[in-house]
Amino acid sequence: MAPKYVIGAALPLLFLAATAPVAQVRQGAESAAGAIAPHKGEGTVNKVDAKAGTFNMTHGPIPSLNWPPMTMDFQVKDKSALKGIEAGQKVEISIVQEGEGKFVVTEIKSLK
């Protein structure tokens, strides 16, 4: 006897996948692929607060985030990343997103 097929049985699954929020789809892609590559930016450090684990910098455009040039404060993932970083220094930073609207610097490299 030939197996019976139910046409449309997969439609609810396809509908759920098609209507899942982009963040959930992206989160699944991040999990499957490991970590998403960090965003890169360059600029000049204006102020460092090693105790708070923050720094202020004026950076150029960061196309992967669709950010124009601006001056802003950044939080570092690990305070030790700020060791040797001083106001007036030109740096390259690596940024990752850790939640909605929360961006953290994972690496700071001095540019000479």
N, C-alpha and C. Protein backbone atom coordinates (compact mmCIF):
# COMPACT_ATOMS: atom_id res chain seq x y z
N MET A 1 0.84 -1.17 0.00
CA MET A 1 0.00 0.00 0.00
C MET A 1 0.89 1.24 0.00
N ALA A 2 0.61 2.17 -0.84
CA ALA A 2 1.41 3.39 -0.97
C ALA A 2 1.17 4.29 0.24
N PRO A 3 2.25 4.98 0.72
CA PRO A 3 2.06 5.87 1.87
C PRO A 3 1.17 7.06 1.50
N LYS A 4 0.45 7.55 2.49
CA LYS A 4 -0.42 8.70 2.28
C LYS A 4 0.36 9.97 2.63
N TYR A 5 0.23 10.97 1.83
CA TYR A 5 0.88 12.24 2.07
C TYR A 5 -0.19 13.29 2.35
N VAL A 6 0.10 14.11 3.31
CA VAL A 6 -0.83 15.19 3.63
C VAL A 6 -0.26 16.46 3.04
N ILE A 7 -0.88 16.97 2.03
CA ILE A 7 -0.41 18.19 1.39
C ILE A 7 -0.66 19.35 2.33
N GLY A 8 0.34 20.16 2.51
CA GLY A 8 0.19 21.35 3.35
C GLY A 8 0.60 21.10 4.79
N ALA A 9 1.06 19.90 5.15
CA ALA A 9 1.45 19.62 6.54
C ALA A 9 2.63 20.47 6.97
N ALA A 10 3.49 20.83 6.04
CA ALA A 10 4.67 21.62 6.40
C ALA A 10 4.38 23.12 6.39
N LEU A 11 3.23 23.52 5.94
CA LEU A 11 2.93 24.95 5.85
C LEU A 11 3.02 25.67 7.19
N PRO A 12 2.53 25.12 8.31
CA PRO A 12 2.68 25.85 9.57
C PRO A 12 4.14 26.12 9.92
N LEU A 13 5.01 25.16 9.64
CA LEU A 13 6.44 25.36 9.91
C LEU A 13 7.02 26.44 9.01
N LEU A 14 6.65 26.41 7.74
CA LEU A 14 7.14 27.43 6.82
C LEU A 14 6.63 28.80 7.22
N PHE A 15 5.37 28.86 7.65
CA PHE A 15 4.80 30.13 8.08
C PHE A 15 5.55 30.68 9.29
N LEU A 16 5.83 29.81 10.26
CA LEU A 16 6.56 30.26 11.45
C LEU A 16 7.95 30.77 11.09
N ALA A 17 8.63 30.05 10.22
CA ALA A 17 9.97 30.46 9.82
C ALA A 17 9.93 31.79 9.09
N ALA A 18 8.91 31.96 8.24
CA ALA A 18 8.82 33.19 7.46
C ALA A 18 8.43 34.40 8.31
N THR A 19 7.76 34.15 9.43
CA THR A 19 7.30 35.26 10.24
C THR A 19 8.12 35.45 11.51
N ALA A 20 9.14 34.64 11.73
CA ALA A 20 9.99 34.79 12.92
C ALA A 20 10.68 36.13 12.88
N PRO A 21 10.79 36.79 14.03
CA PRO A 21 11.51 38.07 14.05
C PRO A 21 12.93 37.91 13.53
N VAL A 22 13.41 38.92 12.84
CA VAL A 22 14.75 38.89 12.26
C VAL A 22 15.79 38.59 13.33
N ALA A 23 15.62 39.14 14.52
CA ALA A 23 16.59 38.91 15.60
C ALA A 23 16.71 37.43 15.93
N GLN A 24 15.56 36.71 15.94
CA GLN A 24 15.61 35.28 16.23
C GLN A 24 16.30 34.53 15.11
N VAL A 25 16.00 34.88 13.87
CA VAL A 25 16.64 34.23 12.74
C VAL A 25 18.13 34.49 12.78
N ARG A 26 18.52 35.75 13.04
CA ARG A 26 19.94 36.09 13.09
C ARG A 26 20.62 35.38 14.25
N GLN A 27 19.94 35.32 15.40
CA GLN A 27 20.53 34.65 16.56
C GLN A 27 20.79 33.19 16.24
N GLY A 28 19.86 32.55 15.53
CA GLY A 28 20.06 31.17 15.12
C GLY A 28 21.24 31.03 14.20
N ALA A 29 21.41 31.98 13.29
CA ALA A 29 22.55 31.95 12.38
C ALA A 29 23.85 32.13 13.14
N GLU A 30 23.84 33.01 14.16
CA GLU A 30 25.04 33.22 14.95
C GLU A 30 25.40 31.95 15.70
N SER A 31 24.41 31.27 16.25
CA SER A 31 24.67 30.05 17.00
C SER A 31 25.22 28.97 16.08
N ALA A 32 24.64 28.86 14.89
CA ALA A 32 25.06 27.83 13.96
C ALA A 32 26.46 28.09 13.42
N ALA A 33 26.81 29.34 13.23
CA ALA A 33 28.10 29.68 12.64
C ALA A 33 29.15 30.00 13.68
N GLY A 34 28.82 29.92 14.95
CA GLY A 34 29.77 30.33 15.98
C GLY A 34 29.56 31.79 16.27
N ALA A 35 30.61 32.55 16.26
CA ALA A 35 30.52 33.99 16.54
C ALA A 35 30.51 34.78 15.24
N ILE A 36 29.74 35.84 15.23
CA ILE A 36 29.73 36.75 14.09
C ILE A 36 31.00 37.60 14.16
N ALA A 37 31.59 37.88 13.01
CA ALA A 37 32.81 38.69 12.98
C ALA A 37 32.52 40.07 13.55
N PRO A 38 33.47 40.61 14.32
CA PRO A 38 33.25 41.94 14.91
C PRO A 38 33.30 43.03 13.84
N HIS A 39 32.67 44.14 14.16
CA HIS A 39 32.71 45.33 13.32
C HIS A 39 34.00 46.07 13.65
N LYS A 40 34.60 46.73 12.65
CA LYS A 40 35.87 47.44 12.84
C LYS A 40 35.68 48.93 12.64
N GLY A 41 36.37 49.71 13.45
CA GLY A 41 36.33 51.15 13.32
C GLY A 41 37.67 51.75 13.71
N GLU A 42 37.93 52.95 13.23
CA GLU A 42 39.17 53.67 13.55
C GLU A 42 38.83 55.07 14.00
N GLY A 43 39.66 55.59 14.90
CA GLY A 43 39.44 56.95 15.35
C GLY A 43 40.46 57.38 16.38
N THR A 44 40.14 58.49 17.06
CA THR A 44 41.03 59.07 18.05
C THR A 44 40.36 59.03 19.41
N VAL A 45 41.10 58.53 20.39
CA VAL A 45 40.60 58.45 21.77
C VAL A 45 40.59 59.86 22.37
N ASN A 46 39.49 60.24 23.00
CA ASN A 46 39.37 61.54 23.64
C ASN A 46 39.57 61.46 25.15
N LYS A 47 39.10 60.36 25.76
CA LYS A 47 39.14 60.23 27.21
C LYS A 47 39.05 58.75 27.57
N VAL A 48 39.76 58.34 28.62
CA VAL A 48 39.72 56.96 29.09
C VAL A 48 39.34 56.96 30.57
N ASP A 49 38.40 56.10 30.94
CA ASP A 49 38.05 55.87 32.34
C ASP A 49 38.26 54.39 32.61
N ALA A 50 39.50 54.03 32.95
CA ALA A 50 39.87 52.64 33.14
C ALA A 50 39.07 51.99 34.26
N LYS A 51 38.78 52.75 35.31
CA LYS A 51 38.03 52.21 36.44
C LYS A 51 36.63 51.77 36.01
N ALA A 52 35.97 52.57 35.19
CA ALA A 52 34.62 52.25 34.71
C ALA A 52 34.65 51.30 33.51
N GLY A 53 35.81 51.15 32.88
CA GLY A 53 35.91 50.30 31.69
C GLY A 53 35.30 50.94 30.46
N THR A 54 35.43 52.27 30.39
CA THR A 54 34.87 53.01 29.24
C THR A 54 35.90 53.94 28.64
N PHE A 55 35.62 54.35 27.43
CA PHE A 55 36.44 55.38 26.79
C PHE A 55 35.57 56.13 25.79
N ASN A 56 35.98 57.33 25.49
CA ASN A 56 35.29 58.17 24.52
C ASN A 56 36.21 58.32 23.33
N MET A 57 35.63 58.22 22.14
CA MET A 57 36.47 58.41 20.95
C MET A 57 35.65 59.05 19.84
N THR A 58 36.37 59.68 18.94
CA THR A 58 35.81 60.22 17.71
C THR A 58 36.24 59.26 16.61
N HIS A 59 35.26 58.59 16.00
CA HIS A 59 35.60 57.59 14.99
C HIS A 59 35.06 57.99 13.62
N GLY A 60 35.65 57.40 12.61
CA GLY A 60 35.18 57.58 11.25
C GLY A 60 33.95 56.71 11.01
N PRO A 61 33.48 56.64 9.79
CA PRO A 61 32.30 55.82 9.50
C PRO A 61 32.59 54.33 9.76
N ILE A 62 31.56 53.64 10.21
CA ILE A 62 31.65 52.19 10.39
C ILE A 62 30.55 51.59 9.52
N PRO A 63 30.89 51.32 8.25
CA PRO A 63 29.88 50.90 7.27
C PRO A 63 29.10 49.64 7.67
N SER A 64 29.75 48.67 8.31
CA SER A 64 29.05 47.43 8.65
C SER A 64 27.95 47.65 9.68
N LEU A 65 28.01 48.76 10.41
CA LEU A 65 26.96 49.11 11.37
C LEU A 65 26.06 50.23 10.85
N ASN A 66 26.42 50.77 9.68
CA ASN A 66 25.72 51.90 9.09
C ASN A 66 25.82 53.13 10.01
N TRP A 67 26.98 53.29 10.64
CA TRP A 67 27.23 54.43 11.54
C TRP A 67 28.03 55.49 10.80
N PRO A 68 27.62 56.73 10.87
CA PRO A 68 28.41 57.83 10.31
C PRO A 68 29.55 58.17 11.28
N PRO A 69 30.47 59.04 10.88
CA PRO A 69 31.49 59.49 11.82
C PRO A 69 30.81 60.17 13.01
N MET A 70 31.30 59.91 14.21
CA MET A 70 30.73 60.55 15.40
C MET A 70 31.65 60.38 16.59
N THR A 71 31.34 61.11 17.65
CA THR A 71 32.04 61.00 18.92
C THR A 71 31.11 60.31 19.89
N MET A 72 31.61 59.26 20.54
CA MET A 72 30.74 58.50 21.45
C MET A 72 31.54 57.77 22.52
N ASP A 73 30.84 57.35 23.55
CA ASP A 73 31.42 56.54 24.62
C ASP A 73 31.28 55.07 24.27
N PHE A 74 32.27 54.29 24.64
CA PHE A 74 32.24 52.85 24.43
C PHE A 74 32.55 52.14 25.74
N GLN A 75 31.91 51.01 25.94
CA GLN A 75 32.21 50.10 27.05
C GLN A 75 33.12 49.02 26.50
N VAL A 76 34.14 48.61 27.27
CA VAL A 76 34.99 47.51 26.85
C VAL A 76 34.52 46.23 27.51
N LYS A 77 34.69 45.12 26.84
CA LYS A 77 34.31 43.83 27.39
C LYS A 77 35.22 43.46 28.56
N ASP A 78 36.51 43.79 28.42
CA ASP A 78 37.50 43.49 29.46
C ASP A 78 38.31 44.76 29.71
N LYS A 79 38.30 45.22 30.96
CA LYS A 79 38.98 46.48 31.30
C LYS A 79 40.47 46.46 30.95
N SER A 80 41.07 45.29 30.90
CA SER A 80 42.50 45.21 30.58
C SER A 80 42.79 45.70 29.15
N ALA A 81 41.75 45.75 28.30
CA ALA A 81 41.92 46.24 26.92
C ALA A 81 42.33 47.71 26.91
N LEU A 82 42.03 48.43 28.01
CA LEU A 82 42.35 49.86 28.07
C LEU A 82 43.79 50.14 28.52
N LYS A 83 44.51 49.10 28.89
CA LYS A 83 45.89 49.28 29.35
C LYS A 83 46.73 49.89 28.23
N GLY A 84 47.37 51.02 28.52
CA GLY A 84 48.22 51.70 27.56
C GLY A 84 47.48 52.62 26.59
N ILE A 85 46.17 52.69 26.70
CA ILE A 85 45.37 53.56 25.82
C ILE A 85 45.23 54.93 26.48
N GLU A 86 45.54 55.99 25.72
CA GLU A 86 45.53 57.35 26.26
C GLU A 86 44.80 58.30 25.32
N ALA A 87 44.35 59.40 25.88
CA ALA A 87 43.72 60.45 25.08
C ALA A 87 44.69 60.92 24.00
N GLY A 88 44.16 61.17 22.82
CA GLY A 88 44.96 61.63 21.69
C GLY A 88 45.50 60.50 20.82
N GLN A 89 45.38 59.28 21.28
CA GLN A 89 45.91 58.12 20.56
C GLN A 89 44.95 57.70 19.45
N LYS A 90 45.51 57.36 18.29
CA LYS A 90 44.71 56.84 17.18
C LYS A 90 44.65 55.32 17.35
N VAL A 91 43.43 54.78 17.24
CA VAL A 91 43.23 53.35 17.49
C VAL A 91 42.29 52.72 16.47
N GLU A 92 42.36 51.40 16.39
CA GLU A 92 41.39 50.60 15.67
C GLU A 92 40.65 49.78 16.73
N ILE A 93 39.33 49.72 16.63
CA ILE A 93 38.55 48.96 17.60
C ILE A 93 37.75 47.86 16.91
N SER A 94 37.49 46.81 17.66
CA SER A 94 36.59 45.74 17.23
C SER A 94 35.37 45.82 18.13
N ILE A 95 34.18 45.83 17.52
CA ILE A 95 32.92 46.00 18.24
C ILE A 95 32.00 44.82 17.96
N VAL A 96 31.37 44.32 19.02
CA VAL A 96 30.34 43.30 18.86
C VAL A 96 29.04 43.79 19.50
N GLN A 97 27.94 43.29 19.00
CA GLN A 97 26.65 43.65 19.57
C GLN A 97 26.26 42.57 20.57
N GLU A 98 25.94 43.01 21.79
CA GLU A 98 25.54 42.08 22.86
C GLU A 98 24.13 42.43 23.33
N GLY A 99 23.19 42.34 22.45
CA GLY A 99 21.82 42.68 22.79
C GLY A 99 21.38 43.88 21.99
N GLU A 100 20.10 44.19 22.12
CA GLU A 100 19.53 45.28 21.35
C GLU A 100 20.11 46.62 21.78
N GLY A 101 20.80 47.29 20.86
CA GLY A 101 21.34 48.61 21.14
C GLY A 101 22.57 48.62 22.04
N LYS A 102 23.11 47.45 22.39
CA LYS A 102 24.29 47.41 23.26
C LYS A 102 25.49 46.91 22.47
N PHE A 103 26.46 47.80 22.31
CA PHE A 103 27.67 47.49 21.57
C PHE A 103 28.86 47.55 22.52
N VAL A 104 29.72 46.54 22.44
CA VAL A 104 30.86 46.43 23.35
C VAL A 104 32.14 46.29 22.53
N VAL A 105 33.18 46.98 22.98
CA VAL A 105 34.48 46.89 22.32
C VAL A 105 35.22 45.69 22.89
N THR A 106 35.64 44.80 22.00
CA THR A 106 36.35 43.59 22.42
C THR A 106 37.86 43.70 22.24
N GLU A 107 38.29 44.67 21.42
CA GLU A 107 39.72 44.83 21.18
C GLU A 107 40.03 46.27 20.77
N ILE A 108 41.15 46.77 21.28
CA ILE A 108 41.63 48.09 20.89
C ILE A 108 43.09 47.93 20.49
N LYS A 109 43.42 48.40 19.28
CA LYS A 109 44.81 48.35 18.79
C LYS A 109 45.27 49.75 18.48
N SER A 110 46.46 50.07 18.93
CA SER A 110 47.05 51.36 18.65
C SER A 110 47.48 51.41 17.19
N LEU A 111 47.18 52.53 16.52
CA LEU A 111 47.64 52.75 15.14
C LEU A 111 48.79 53.75 15.20
N LYS A 112 49.86 53.43 14.54
CA LYS A 112 51.02 54.32 14.60
C LYS A 112 51.27 55.00 13.30
